[in-house]
Amino acid sequence: MKFDVISIFPEVITPYVEASILGRAQKKKQINIRAHNLRDFTTDKHHSVDDTPYGGGAGMVMKVEPFERAVKKVKKRFKKTHVIVTAASGKTFTQADAKRLAKYDQLIFLCGRYEGIDHRVTEHIADEALSIGNYVLTGGELPAMVMIDAIARMVPGVIEAESLEMESHNEEGTLEYPQYTKPEEYKGWKVPKILLSGDHKKIKEWRDSESS
């Protein structure tokens, strides 16, 4: 599966996606993640990606043209490609979205900055706008990385299947039961006795009751 991130700060993407599980998955060629500099798709000598908003108002708005050129350039000849704008006004991203989006061959993330992106990008270039919560960040890079992390885990082979089945939000709204490891007691804080019993039926019942 291929992920492409279009941003004016591509250097913040690469270190994270090359580490840990995402890094290993890329080395195994299970996924491929690339960050692209939006300024490379401008045509003026200043490499301008923003301008003043029509109708007035504070701040600058990111221009439509560089995003269109960037998407055309990075879009590969896959059967299933999907373009996502990261926007605070978008639909809130969920685990169900992670599973849905993992079925695509290529995902392209468009990261906004300043006062946002010209809405024509959302209307005519992107397939949907997604948010990671009801708050505003300085840019769309963190939301893109959050979504890539969640989606990549759904790609077969990236995470052990058993781990995926037992974790939080496997069923929408359900949280995983508490987990413990050695030592059995630390500073008087004890592991629940049921987990030490060896009775797998009772342990499963306890875990089911502790899931919410």
N, C-alpha and C. Protein backbone atom coordinates (compact mmCIF):
# COMPACT_ATOMS: atom_id res chain seq x y z
N MET A 1 0.85 -1.19 0.00
CA MET A 1 0.00 0.00 0.00
C MET A 1 0.89 1.24 0.00
N LYS A 2 0.50 2.27 -0.75
CA LYS A 2 1.30 3.48 -0.88
C LYS A 2 0.60 4.66 -0.22
N PHE A 3 1.38 5.40 0.58
CA PHE A 3 0.91 6.64 1.20
C PHE A 3 1.76 7.78 0.68
N ASP A 4 1.11 8.86 0.24
CA ASP A 4 1.82 10.07 -0.17
C ASP A 4 1.29 11.25 0.63
N VAL A 5 2.21 12.03 1.19
CA VAL A 5 1.84 13.18 2.00
C VAL A 5 2.37 14.44 1.33
N ILE A 6 1.49 15.38 1.05
CA ILE A 6 1.88 16.63 0.40
C ILE A 6 1.80 17.75 1.43
N SER A 7 2.95 18.41 1.66
CA SER A 7 3.06 19.36 2.77
C SER A 7 4.14 20.38 2.45
N ILE A 8 4.11 21.53 3.12
CA ILE A 8 5.22 22.47 2.98
C ILE A 8 6.32 22.16 3.98
N PHE A 9 6.08 21.17 4.86
CA PHE A 9 7.10 20.73 5.80
C PHE A 9 7.27 19.20 5.72
N PRO A 10 7.70 18.69 4.58
CA PRO A 10 7.83 17.23 4.44
C PRO A 10 8.86 16.64 5.39
N GLU A 11 9.79 17.47 5.86
CA GLU A 11 10.85 16.96 6.73
C GLU A 11 10.34 16.50 8.08
N VAL A 12 9.12 16.92 8.48
CA VAL A 12 8.59 16.47 9.77
C VAL A 12 7.95 15.08 9.65
N ILE A 13 7.64 14.66 8.44
CA ILE A 13 6.99 13.38 8.23
C ILE A 13 7.98 12.21 8.27
N THR A 14 9.06 12.35 7.55
CA THR A 14 9.99 11.24 7.33
C THR A 14 10.54 10.58 8.59
N PRO A 15 11.02 11.33 9.60
CA PRO A 15 11.60 10.65 10.78
C PRO A 15 10.62 9.71 11.48
N TYR A 16 9.36 10.13 11.57
CA TYR A 16 8.39 9.30 12.28
C TYR A 16 8.07 8.03 11.50
N VAL A 17 7.82 8.15 10.21
CA VAL A 17 7.36 6.99 9.44
C VAL A 17 8.49 6.02 9.12
N GLU A 18 9.74 6.42 9.38
CA GLU A 18 10.86 5.50 9.15
C GLU A 18 11.27 4.77 10.42
N ALA A 19 10.57 5.05 11.53
CA ALA A 19 10.90 4.41 12.81
C ALA A 19 9.92 3.30 13.15
N SER A 20 10.33 2.42 14.05
CA SER A 20 9.47 1.42 14.67
C SER A 20 8.71 0.58 13.64
N ILE A 21 7.43 0.32 13.92
CA ILE A 21 6.63 -0.60 13.11
C ILE A 21 6.48 -0.10 11.67
N LEU A 22 6.24 1.20 11.49
CA LEU A 22 6.09 1.72 10.14
C LEU A 22 7.38 1.58 9.35
N GLY A 23 8.51 1.82 10.02
CA GLY A 23 9.80 1.66 9.35
C GLY A 23 10.06 0.23 8.94
N ARG A 24 9.75 -0.71 9.83
CA ARG A 24 9.95 -2.13 9.51
C ARG A 24 9.04 -2.57 8.36
N ALA A 25 7.79 -2.08 8.40
CA ALA A 25 6.84 -2.45 7.34
C ALA A 25 7.30 -1.91 5.99
N GLN A 26 7.94 -0.75 5.98
CA GLN A 26 8.46 -0.22 4.72
C GLN A 26 9.64 -1.04 4.22
N LYS A 27 10.51 -1.46 5.14
CA LYS A 27 11.65 -2.28 4.73
C LYS A 27 11.19 -3.62 4.15
N LYS A 28 10.07 -4.13 4.68
CA LYS A 28 9.51 -5.38 4.16
C LYS A 28 8.66 -5.16 2.92
N LYS A 29 8.53 -3.89 2.51
CA LYS A 29 7.74 -3.51 1.33
C LYS A 29 6.25 -3.83 1.48
N GLN A 30 5.78 -3.85 2.73
CA GLN A 30 4.34 -4.01 2.96
C GLN A 30 3.62 -2.69 2.73
N ILE A 31 4.31 -1.59 3.02
CA ILE A 31 3.77 -0.25 2.77
C ILE A 31 4.90 0.62 2.22
N ASN A 32 4.51 1.74 1.64
CA ASN A 32 5.48 2.73 1.16
C ASN A 32 4.94 4.11 1.50
N ILE A 33 5.74 4.92 2.21
CA ILE A 33 5.30 6.25 2.64
C ILE A 33 6.28 7.28 2.12
N ARG A 34 5.78 8.29 1.40
CA ARG A 34 6.64 9.34 0.87
C ARG A 34 6.02 10.72 1.14
N ALA A 35 6.89 11.65 1.52
CA ALA A 35 6.45 13.03 1.75
C ALA A 35 6.96 13.90 0.60
N HIS A 36 6.12 14.80 0.14
CA HIS A 36 6.44 15.66 -1.00
C HIS A 36 6.28 17.13 -0.59
N ASN A 37 7.19 17.96 -1.06
CA ASN A 37 7.15 19.39 -0.74
C ASN A 37 6.21 20.11 -1.71
N LEU A 38 5.16 20.71 -1.17
CA LEU A 38 4.19 21.41 -2.01
C LEU A 38 4.84 22.52 -2.82
N ARG A 39 5.90 23.14 -2.29
CA ARG A 39 6.55 24.25 -3.00
C ARG A 39 7.19 23.78 -4.31
N ASP A 40 7.46 22.49 -4.42
CA ASP A 40 8.03 21.97 -5.67
C ASP A 40 7.03 22.02 -6.82
N PHE A 41 5.77 22.28 -6.50
CA PHE A 41 4.72 22.28 -7.51
C PHE A 41 4.18 23.68 -7.78
N THR A 42 4.97 24.70 -7.41
CA THR A 42 4.63 26.09 -7.70
C THR A 42 5.34 26.52 -8.98
N THR A 43 4.93 27.66 -9.56
CA THR A 43 5.52 28.11 -10.82
C THR A 43 6.17 29.48 -10.72
N ASP A 44 5.98 30.20 -9.61
CA ASP A 44 6.58 31.53 -9.48
C ASP A 44 7.95 31.44 -8.80
N LYS A 45 8.75 32.47 -8.93
CA LYS A 45 10.12 32.43 -8.41
C LYS A 45 10.19 32.38 -6.89
N HIS A 46 9.13 32.79 -6.21
CA HIS A 46 9.10 32.78 -4.75
C HIS A 46 8.53 31.47 -4.19
N HIS A 47 8.07 30.60 -5.07
CA HIS A 47 7.46 29.32 -4.66
C HIS A 47 6.29 29.55 -3.69
N SER A 48 5.41 30.45 -4.06
CA SER A 48 4.29 30.84 -3.20
C SER A 48 3.22 29.75 -3.17
N VAL A 49 2.78 29.42 -1.96
CA VAL A 49 1.73 28.41 -1.81
C VAL A 49 0.47 28.99 -1.19
N ASP A 50 0.47 30.30 -0.86
CA ASP A 50 -0.68 30.91 -0.20
C ASP A 50 -0.90 32.32 -0.71
N ASP A 51 -2.09 32.84 -0.40
CA ASP A 51 -2.43 34.21 -0.79
C ASP A 51 -3.53 34.72 0.14
N THR A 52 -3.87 36.00 0.03
CA THR A 52 -4.88 36.60 0.90
C THR A 52 -6.27 36.06 0.56
N PRO A 53 -7.15 35.96 1.54
CA PRO A 53 -8.49 35.40 1.30
C PRO A 53 -9.43 36.37 0.61
N TYR A 54 -10.20 35.87 -0.34
CA TYR A 54 -11.27 36.68 -0.92
C TYR A 54 -12.28 37.01 0.17
N GLY A 55 -12.79 38.22 0.14
CA GLY A 55 -13.76 38.63 1.14
C GLY A 55 -13.11 39.23 2.38
N GLY A 56 -11.77 39.22 2.41
CA GLY A 56 -11.07 39.78 3.56
C GLY A 56 -10.95 38.80 4.71
N GLY A 57 -10.27 39.23 5.75
CA GLY A 57 -10.08 38.39 6.92
C GLY A 57 -8.61 38.20 7.24
N ALA A 58 -8.36 37.68 8.44
CA ALA A 58 -6.99 37.49 8.90
C ALA A 58 -6.33 36.28 8.26
N GLY A 59 -5.01 36.32 8.17
CA GLY A 59 -4.26 35.16 7.73
C GLY A 59 -4.24 34.96 6.23
N MET A 60 -3.63 33.86 5.83
CA MET A 60 -3.45 33.51 4.42
C MET A 60 -4.11 32.16 4.15
N VAL A 61 -4.51 31.96 2.90
CA VAL A 61 -5.16 30.72 2.48
C VAL A 61 -4.28 30.01 1.45
N MET A 62 -4.14 28.72 1.58
CA MET A 62 -3.30 27.95 0.65
C MET A 62 -3.98 27.82 -0.71
N LYS A 63 -3.21 28.00 -1.75
CA LYS A 63 -3.72 28.08 -3.12
C LYS A 63 -4.10 26.71 -3.69
N VAL A 64 -5.02 26.74 -4.63
CA VAL A 64 -5.51 25.51 -5.24
C VAL A 64 -4.52 24.91 -6.25
N GLU A 65 -3.83 25.79 -7.04
CA GLU A 65 -3.02 25.29 -8.14
C GLU A 65 -1.90 24.33 -7.73
N PRO A 66 -1.09 24.66 -6.70
CA PRO A 66 -0.02 23.73 -6.33
C PRO A 66 -0.54 22.36 -5.89
N PHE A 67 -1.67 22.34 -5.20
CA PHE A 67 -2.23 21.06 -4.76
C PHE A 67 -2.68 20.23 -5.95
N GLU A 68 -3.29 20.88 -6.94
CA GLU A 68 -3.73 20.12 -8.11
C GLU A 68 -2.53 19.52 -8.85
N ARG A 69 -1.48 20.32 -9.04
CA ARG A 69 -0.28 19.83 -9.73
C ARG A 69 0.36 18.68 -8.94
N ALA A 70 0.41 18.82 -7.62
CA ALA A 70 1.03 17.80 -6.78
C ALA A 70 0.27 16.48 -6.86
N VAL A 71 -1.04 16.55 -6.78
CA VAL A 71 -1.85 15.32 -6.84
C VAL A 71 -1.68 14.63 -8.19
N LYS A 72 -1.68 15.40 -9.26
CA LYS A 72 -1.50 14.82 -10.59
C LYS A 72 -0.15 14.13 -10.72
N LYS A 73 0.87 14.73 -10.09
CA LYS A 73 2.22 14.18 -10.18
C LYS A 73 2.38 12.89 -9.37
N VAL A 74 1.87 12.86 -8.15
CA VAL A 74 2.12 11.70 -7.27
C VAL A 74 1.09 10.59 -7.44
N LYS A 75 -0.01 10.90 -8.11
CA LYS A 75 -1.04 9.88 -8.30
C LYS A 75 -0.54 8.81 -9.25
N LYS A 76 -0.52 7.59 -8.79
CA LYS A 76 -0.04 6.48 -9.61
C LYS A 76 -1.21 5.77 -10.29
N ARG A 77 -0.88 4.87 -11.16
CA ARG A 77 -1.91 4.15 -11.92
C ARG A 77 -2.40 2.94 -11.14
N PHE A 78 -2.94 3.23 -9.97
CA PHE A 78 -3.54 2.17 -9.16
C PHE A 78 -5.04 2.12 -9.44
N LYS A 79 -5.63 0.96 -9.19
CA LYS A 79 -7.08 0.83 -9.38
C LYS A 79 -7.84 1.67 -8.35
N LYS A 80 -7.30 1.70 -7.11
CA LYS A 80 -8.02 2.37 -6.04
C LYS A 80 -7.12 3.41 -5.36
N THR A 81 -7.29 4.68 -5.73
CA THR A 81 -6.57 5.79 -5.12
C THR A 81 -7.57 6.72 -4.47
N HIS A 82 -7.21 7.26 -3.31
CA HIS A 82 -8.12 8.11 -2.54
C HIS A 82 -7.33 9.32 -2.02
N VAL A 83 -7.90 10.51 -2.19
CA VAL A 83 -7.24 11.76 -1.79
C VAL A 83 -7.96 12.36 -0.59
N ILE A 84 -7.19 12.67 0.45
CA ILE A 84 -7.75 13.14 1.72
C ILE A 84 -7.17 14.49 2.10
N VAL A 85 -8.03 15.45 2.40
CA VAL A 85 -7.60 16.72 2.98
C VAL A 85 -7.67 16.61 4.49
N THR A 86 -6.60 16.98 5.18
CA THR A 86 -6.64 17.02 6.65
C THR A 86 -7.18 18.39 7.05
N ALA A 87 -8.34 18.41 7.68
CA ALA A 87 -8.99 19.69 8.00
C ALA A 87 -9.78 19.57 9.29
N ALA A 88 -9.67 20.59 10.14
CA ALA A 88 -10.41 20.58 11.41
C ALA A 88 -11.91 20.51 11.18
N SER A 89 -12.38 20.98 10.02
CA SER A 89 -13.81 20.97 9.70
C SER A 89 -14.27 19.65 9.09
N GLY A 90 -13.34 18.72 8.89
CA GLY A 90 -13.68 17.45 8.26
C GLY A 90 -14.36 16.48 9.21
N LYS A 91 -14.81 15.36 8.67
CA LYS A 91 -15.41 14.29 9.46
C LYS A 91 -14.36 13.72 10.40
N THR A 92 -14.76 13.38 11.63
CA THR A 92 -13.81 12.84 12.60
C THR A 92 -13.40 11.42 12.22
N PHE A 93 -12.10 11.21 12.12
CA PHE A 93 -11.51 9.92 11.77
C PHE A 93 -11.73 8.91 12.88
N THR A 94 -12.14 7.68 12.51
CA THR A 94 -12.40 6.62 13.48
C THR A 94 -11.68 5.33 13.07
N GLN A 95 -11.74 4.34 13.94
CA GLN A 95 -11.14 3.03 13.62
C GLN A 95 -11.82 2.42 12.40
N ALA A 96 -13.12 2.66 12.27
CA ALA A 96 -13.84 2.16 11.09
C ALA A 96 -13.28 2.78 9.81
N ASP A 97 -12.88 4.05 9.88
CA ASP A 97 -12.27 4.70 8.72
C ASP A 97 -10.91 4.08 8.42
N ALA A 98 -10.16 3.75 9.47
CA ALA A 98 -8.85 3.10 9.26
C ALA A 98 -9.01 1.80 8.49
N LYS A 99 -9.99 1.00 8.86
CA LYS A 99 -10.24 -0.27 8.17
C LYS A 99 -10.70 -0.03 6.74
N ARG A 100 -11.57 0.95 6.56
CA ARG A 100 -12.09 1.27 5.22
C ARG A 100 -10.98 1.75 4.30
N LEU A 101 -10.14 2.65 4.79
CA LEU A 101 -9.11 3.24 3.95
C LEU A 101 -7.96 2.29 3.67
N ALA A 102 -7.78 1.27 4.52
CA ALA A 102 -6.72 0.29 4.31
C ALA A 102 -6.97 -0.57 3.07
N LYS A 103 -8.15 -0.49 2.50
CA LYS A 103 -8.49 -1.28 1.32
C LYS A 103 -8.06 -0.61 0.01
N TYR A 104 -7.57 0.64 0.11
CA TYR A 104 -7.12 1.35 -1.08
C TYR A 104 -5.68 0.96 -1.43
N ASP A 105 -5.31 1.16 -2.68
CA ASP A 105 -3.93 0.91 -3.12
C ASP A 105 -3.03 2.10 -2.80
N GLN A 106 -3.60 3.31 -2.88
CA GLN A 106 -2.84 4.53 -2.62
C GLN A 106 -3.71 5.56 -1.92
N LEU A 107 -3.15 6.17 -0.87
CA LEU A 107 -3.80 7.29 -0.20
C LEU A 107 -2.90 8.51 -0.31
N ILE A 108 -3.49 9.63 -0.68
CA ILE A 108 -2.75 10.89 -0.79
C ILE A 108 -3.32 11.87 0.23
N PHE A 109 -2.48 12.36 1.12
CA PHE A 109 -2.90 13.30 2.16
C PHE A 109 -2.44 14.71 1.81
N LEU A 110 -3.37 15.65 1.85
CA LEU A 110 -3.07 17.06 1.57
C LEU A 110 -3.10 17.82 2.89
N CYS A 111 -1.96 18.35 3.30
CA CYS A 111 -1.82 18.99 4.62
C CYS A 111 -1.92 20.50 4.53
N GLY A 112 -2.89 21.05 5.23
CA GLY A 112 -3.08 22.48 5.24
C GLY A 112 -2.21 23.19 6.27
N ARG A 113 -2.10 24.49 6.11
CA ARG A 113 -1.41 25.38 7.06
C ARG A 113 -2.13 26.72 7.02
N TYR A 114 -1.68 27.66 7.83
CA TYR A 114 -2.23 29.01 7.87
C TYR A 114 -3.73 28.97 8.19
N GLU A 115 -4.55 29.67 7.38
CA GLU A 115 -6.00 29.68 7.64
C GLU A 115 -6.73 28.56 6.91
N GLY A 116 -5.95 27.63 6.34
CA GLY A 116 -6.58 26.51 5.66
C GLY A 116 -6.30 26.49 4.17
N ILE A 117 -6.99 25.61 3.47
CA ILE A 117 -6.79 25.40 2.03
C ILE A 117 -8.00 25.91 1.27
N ASP A 118 -7.75 26.53 0.13
CA ASP A 118 -8.82 26.95 -0.78
C ASP A 118 -9.84 25.80 -0.89
N HIS A 119 -11.11 26.10 -0.64
CA HIS A 119 -12.12 25.05 -0.55
C HIS A 119 -12.30 24.28 -1.86
N ARG A 120 -11.85 24.85 -2.96
CA ARG A 120 -11.96 24.14 -4.24
C ARG A 120 -11.11 22.88 -4.26
N VAL A 121 -10.08 22.82 -3.41
CA VAL A 121 -9.29 21.60 -3.29
C VAL A 121 -10.17 20.48 -2.72
N THR A 122 -10.91 20.79 -1.67
CA THR A 122 -11.80 19.81 -1.06
C THR A 122 -12.93 19.43 -2.01
N GLU A 123 -13.47 20.43 -2.72
CA GLU A 123 -14.63 20.20 -3.60
C GLU A 123 -14.28 19.42 -4.87
N HIS A 124 -13.11 19.70 -5.45
CA HIS A 124 -12.84 19.18 -6.79
C HIS A 124 -11.61 18.27 -6.92
N ILE A 125 -10.74 18.27 -5.93
CA ILE A 125 -9.51 17.47 -6.03
C ILE A 125 -9.51 16.31 -5.04
N ALA A 126 -9.89 16.59 -3.80
CA ALA A 126 -9.90 15.55 -2.76
C ALA A 126 -11.19 14.73 -2.83
N ASP A 127 -11.13 13.55 -2.25
CA ASP A 127 -12.32 12.69 -2.16
C ASP A 127 -13.06 12.91 -0.85
N GLU A 128 -12.34 13.33 0.20
CA GLU A 128 -12.98 13.63 1.47
C GLU A 128 -12.04 14.44 2.35
N ALA A 129 -12.62 15.08 3.38
CA ALA A 129 -11.85 15.82 4.38
C ALA A 129 -12.02 15.12 5.72
N LEU A 130 -10.91 14.90 6.41
CA LEU A 130 -10.95 14.21 7.70
C LEU A 130 -10.22 15.00 8.77
N SER A 131 -10.73 14.87 9.99
CA SER A 131 -10.16 15.52 11.17
C SER A 131 -9.83 14.44 12.19
N ILE A 132 -8.90 14.73 13.11
CA ILE A 132 -8.62 13.76 14.19
C ILE A 132 -9.20 14.22 15.52
N GLY A 133 -9.98 15.30 15.53
CA GLY A 133 -10.59 15.73 16.78
C GLY A 133 -11.12 17.14 16.70
N ASN A 134 -11.89 17.51 17.70
CA ASN A 134 -12.50 18.84 17.72
C ASN A 134 -11.57 19.88 18.33
N TYR A 135 -10.47 20.12 17.64
CA TYR A 135 -9.50 21.14 18.04
C TYR A 135 -8.72 21.54 16.80
N VAL A 136 -7.97 22.63 16.91
CA VAL A 136 -7.24 23.16 15.77
C VAL A 136 -5.74 23.05 16.02
N LEU A 137 -5.01 22.51 15.04
CA LEU A 137 -3.56 22.41 15.12
C LEU A 137 -2.93 23.42 14.17
N THR A 138 -1.60 23.59 14.27
CA THR A 138 -0.93 24.55 13.40
C THR A 138 -0.79 24.05 11.97
N GLY A 139 -0.97 22.75 11.76
CA GLY A 139 -0.87 22.21 10.42
C GLY A 139 -1.47 20.82 10.32
N GLY A 140 -1.55 20.31 9.09
CA GLY A 140 -2.19 19.02 8.87
C GLY A 140 -1.24 17.83 8.90
N GLU A 141 0.04 18.08 9.21
CA GLU A 141 1.01 16.98 9.19
C GLU A 141 0.76 15.96 10.29
N LEU A 142 0.51 16.42 11.51
CA LEU A 142 0.23 15.49 12.61
C LEU A 142 -1.02 14.65 12.35
N PRO A 143 -2.13 15.25 11.92
CA PRO A 143 -3.30 14.42 11.58
C PRO A 143 -2.98 13.39 10.49
N ALA A 144 -2.21 13.77 9.50
CA ALA A 144 -1.86 12.82 8.43
C ALA A 144 -1.09 11.65 9.01
N MET A 145 -0.12 11.93 9.89
CA MET A 145 0.67 10.85 10.48
C MET A 145 -0.16 9.95 11.39
N VAL A 146 -1.07 10.57 12.14
CA VAL A 146 -1.96 9.78 12.99
C VAL A 146 -2.78 8.82 12.15
N MET A 147 -3.36 9.32 11.07
CA MET A 147 -4.20 8.48 10.22
C MET A 147 -3.38 7.40 9.51
N ILE A 148 -2.20 7.76 9.03
CA ILE A 148 -1.34 6.78 8.37
C ILE A 148 -0.97 5.67 9.34
N ASP A 149 -0.64 6.03 10.57
CA ASP A 149 -0.28 5.04 11.58
C ASP A 149 -1.44 4.06 11.80
N ALA A 150 -2.65 4.60 11.98
CA ALA A 150 -3.82 3.75 12.23
C ALA A 150 -4.17 2.89 11.03
N ILE A 151 -4.07 3.46 9.83
CA ILE A 151 -4.43 2.73 8.61
C ILE A 151 -3.40 1.65 8.31
N ALA A 152 -2.11 1.99 8.44
CA ALA A 152 -1.04 1.04 8.12
C ALA A 152 -1.14 -0.22 8.98
N ARG A 153 -1.60 -0.08 10.22
CA ARG A 153 -1.74 -1.23 11.10
C ARG A 153 -2.79 -2.21 10.59
N MET A 154 -3.68 -1.75 9.73
CA MET A 154 -4.73 -2.60 9.17
C MET A 154 -4.26 -3.35 7.92
N VAL A 155 -3.10 -2.97 7.40
CA VAL A 155 -2.57 -3.64 6.21
C VAL A 155 -2.07 -5.03 6.62
N PRO A 156 -2.49 -6.09 5.94
CA PRO A 156 -2.09 -7.45 6.31
C PRO A 156 -0.58 -7.59 6.46
N GLY A 157 -0.17 -8.17 7.61
CA GLY A 157 1.23 -8.44 7.85
C GLY A 157 1.96 -7.39 8.65
N VAL A 158 1.43 -6.15 8.71
CA VAL A 158 2.12 -5.08 9.44
C VAL A 158 2.06 -5.35 10.95
N ILE A 159 0.90 -5.81 11.44
CA ILE A 159 0.70 -6.15 12.85
C ILE A 159 0.18 -7.59 12.91
N GLU A 160 0.57 -8.33 13.95
CA GLU A 160 0.06 -9.69 14.12
C GLU A 160 -1.46 -9.66 14.21
N ALA A 161 -2.11 -10.58 13.52
CA ALA A 161 -3.57 -10.61 13.45
C ALA A 161 -4.20 -10.73 14.83
N GLU A 162 -3.60 -11.53 15.72
CA GLU A 162 -4.16 -11.72 17.05
C GLU A 162 -4.15 -10.42 17.85
N SER A 163 -3.09 -9.64 17.70
CA SER A 163 -3.01 -8.35 18.41
C SER A 163 -4.11 -7.42 17.95
N LEU A 164 -4.41 -7.42 16.66
CA LEU A 164 -5.46 -6.55 16.13
C LEU A 164 -6.82 -6.93 16.68
N GLU A 165 -7.07 -8.23 16.82
CA GLU A 165 -8.37 -8.70 17.28
C GLU A 165 -8.65 -8.29 18.72
N MET A 166 -7.60 -8.21 19.56
CA MET A 166 -7.81 -7.99 20.99
C MET A 166 -7.75 -6.52 21.40
N GLU A 167 -7.34 -5.62 20.51
CA GLU A 167 -7.07 -4.26 20.94
C GLU A 167 -8.32 -3.39 21.01
N SER A 168 -8.13 -2.19 21.59
CA SER A 168 -9.23 -1.24 21.72
C SER A 168 -9.78 -0.85 20.36
N HIS A 169 -11.08 -0.59 20.30
CA HIS A 169 -11.79 -0.13 19.10
C HIS A 169 -11.83 -1.16 17.99
N ASN A 170 -11.49 -2.44 18.30
CA ASN A 170 -11.66 -3.47 17.29
C ASN A 170 -13.12 -3.52 16.86
N GLU A 171 -14.01 -3.40 17.85
CA GLU A 171 -15.42 -3.13 17.58
C GLU A 171 -15.63 -1.70 17.99
N GLU A 172 -16.27 -0.90 17.16
CA GLU A 172 -16.38 0.53 17.39
C GLU A 172 -16.91 0.83 18.78
N GLY A 173 -16.14 1.64 19.53
CA GLY A 173 -16.57 2.05 20.86
C GLY A 173 -16.11 1.14 21.97
N THR A 174 -15.49 0.00 21.66
CA THR A 174 -15.05 -0.94 22.69
C THR A 174 -13.58 -0.71 23.01
N LEU A 175 -13.26 -0.62 24.32
CA LEU A 175 -11.89 -0.42 24.75
C LEU A 175 -11.31 -1.71 25.30
N GLU A 176 -10.02 -1.89 25.11
CA GLU A 176 -9.35 -3.11 25.53
C GLU A 176 -9.28 -3.20 27.06
N TYR A 177 -9.29 -4.44 27.56
CA TYR A 177 -9.17 -4.70 29.00
C TYR A 177 -7.78 -4.29 29.49
N PRO A 178 -7.60 -4.06 30.82
CA PRO A 178 -6.29 -3.70 31.37
C PRO A 178 -5.28 -4.83 31.18
N GLN A 179 -4.03 -4.45 30.96
CA GLN A 179 -2.96 -5.43 30.78
C GLN A 179 -1.92 -5.29 31.89
N TYR A 180 -1.30 -6.40 32.29
CA TYR A 180 -0.28 -6.40 33.34
C TYR A 180 0.87 -7.31 32.94
N THR A 181 2.07 -7.05 33.51
CA THR A 181 3.22 -7.94 33.31
C THR A 181 4.03 -7.98 34.60
N LYS A 182 5.15 -8.67 34.63
CA LYS A 182 5.98 -8.80 35.82
C LYS A 182 6.57 -7.44 36.22
N PRO A 183 6.76 -7.19 37.53
CA PRO A 183 6.59 -8.11 38.65
C PRO A 183 5.14 -8.24 39.08
N GLU A 184 4.86 -9.31 39.82
CA GLU A 184 3.50 -9.56 40.30
C GLU A 184 3.03 -8.48 41.27
N GLU A 185 3.98 -7.92 42.05
CA GLU A 185 3.66 -6.84 42.98
C GLU A 185 4.75 -5.79 42.93
N TYR A 186 4.36 -4.54 42.91
CA TYR A 186 5.31 -3.43 42.89
C TYR A 186 4.78 -2.30 43.77
N LYS A 187 5.55 -1.96 44.82
CA LYS A 187 5.16 -0.92 45.76
C LYS A 187 3.78 -1.16 46.36
N GLY A 188 3.42 -2.43 46.52
CA GLY A 188 2.11 -2.77 47.06
C GLY A 188 1.01 -2.81 46.01
N TRP A 189 1.34 -2.48 44.77
CA TRP A 189 0.36 -2.52 43.68
C TRP A 189 0.38 -3.91 43.07
N LYS A 190 -0.72 -4.62 43.19
CA LYS A 190 -0.76 -6.04 42.82
C LYS A 190 -1.51 -6.29 41.51
N VAL A 191 -1.08 -7.31 40.81
CA VAL A 191 -1.78 -7.80 39.63
C VAL A 191 -3.04 -8.52 40.11
N PRO A 192 -4.20 -8.31 39.46
CA PRO A 192 -5.41 -9.03 39.86
C PRO A 192 -5.20 -10.54 39.93
N LYS A 193 -5.68 -11.16 41.02
CA LYS A 193 -5.43 -12.58 41.27
C LYS A 193 -5.97 -13.46 40.15
N ILE A 194 -7.07 -13.05 39.54
CA ILE A 194 -7.67 -13.87 38.50
C ILE A 194 -6.69 -14.14 37.36
N LEU A 195 -5.80 -13.18 37.07
CA LEU A 195 -4.85 -13.34 35.97
C LEU A 195 -3.73 -14.32 36.31
N LEU A 196 -3.60 -14.64 37.59
CA LEU A 196 -2.57 -15.58 38.04
C LEU A 196 -3.14 -16.98 38.25
N SER A 197 -4.44 -17.12 38.04
CA SER A 197 -5.12 -18.37 38.40
C SER A 197 -4.87 -19.51 37.42
N GLY A 198 -4.58 -19.17 36.16
CA GLY A 198 -4.42 -20.21 35.15
C GLY A 198 -5.74 -20.72 34.60
N ASP A 199 -6.86 -20.19 35.12
CA ASP A 199 -8.20 -20.58 34.66
C ASP A 199 -8.56 -19.70 33.46
N HIS A 200 -8.36 -20.20 32.26
CA HIS A 200 -8.52 -19.39 31.06
C HIS A 200 -9.97 -18.94 30.83
N LYS A 201 -10.91 -19.76 31.24
CA LYS A 201 -12.31 -19.39 31.08
C LYS A 201 -12.64 -18.18 31.96
N LYS A 202 -12.21 -18.24 33.23
CA LYS A 202 -12.48 -17.13 34.16
C LYS A 202 -11.70 -15.88 33.75
N ILE A 203 -10.48 -16.09 33.24
CA ILE A 203 -9.69 -14.94 32.78
C ILE A 203 -10.41 -14.25 31.62
N LYS A 204 -10.93 -15.04 30.68
CA LYS A 204 -11.66 -14.46 29.55
C LYS A 204 -12.90 -13.70 30.04
N GLU A 205 -13.62 -14.27 31.00
CA GLU A 205 -14.80 -13.61 31.54
C GLU A 205 -14.42 -12.28 32.19
N TRP A 206 -13.29 -12.30 32.94
CA TRP A 206 -12.83 -11.07 33.59
C TRP A 206 -12.46 -10.01 32.55
N ARG A 207 -11.74 -10.45 31.51
CA ARG A 207 -11.34 -9.51 30.47
C ARG A 207 -12.57 -8.93 29.74
N ASP A 208 -13.54 -9.78 29.47
CA ASP A 208 -14.76 -9.30 28.82
C ASP A 208 -15.47 -8.27 29.69
N SER A 209 -15.50 -8.53 31.02
CA SER A 209 -16.19 -7.62 31.93
C SER A 209 -15.44 -6.29 32.08
N GLU A 210 -14.11 -6.34 31.90
CA GLU A 210 -13.30 -5.13 32.04
C GLU A 210 -13.24 -4.31 30.75
N SER A 211 -13.64 -4.90 29.64
CA SER A 211 -13.70 -4.16 28.37
C SER A 211 -14.91 -3.26 28.40
N SER A 212 -14.76 -2.08 27.82
CA SER A 212 -15.90 -1.14 27.85
C SER A 212 -16.10 -0.50 26.49
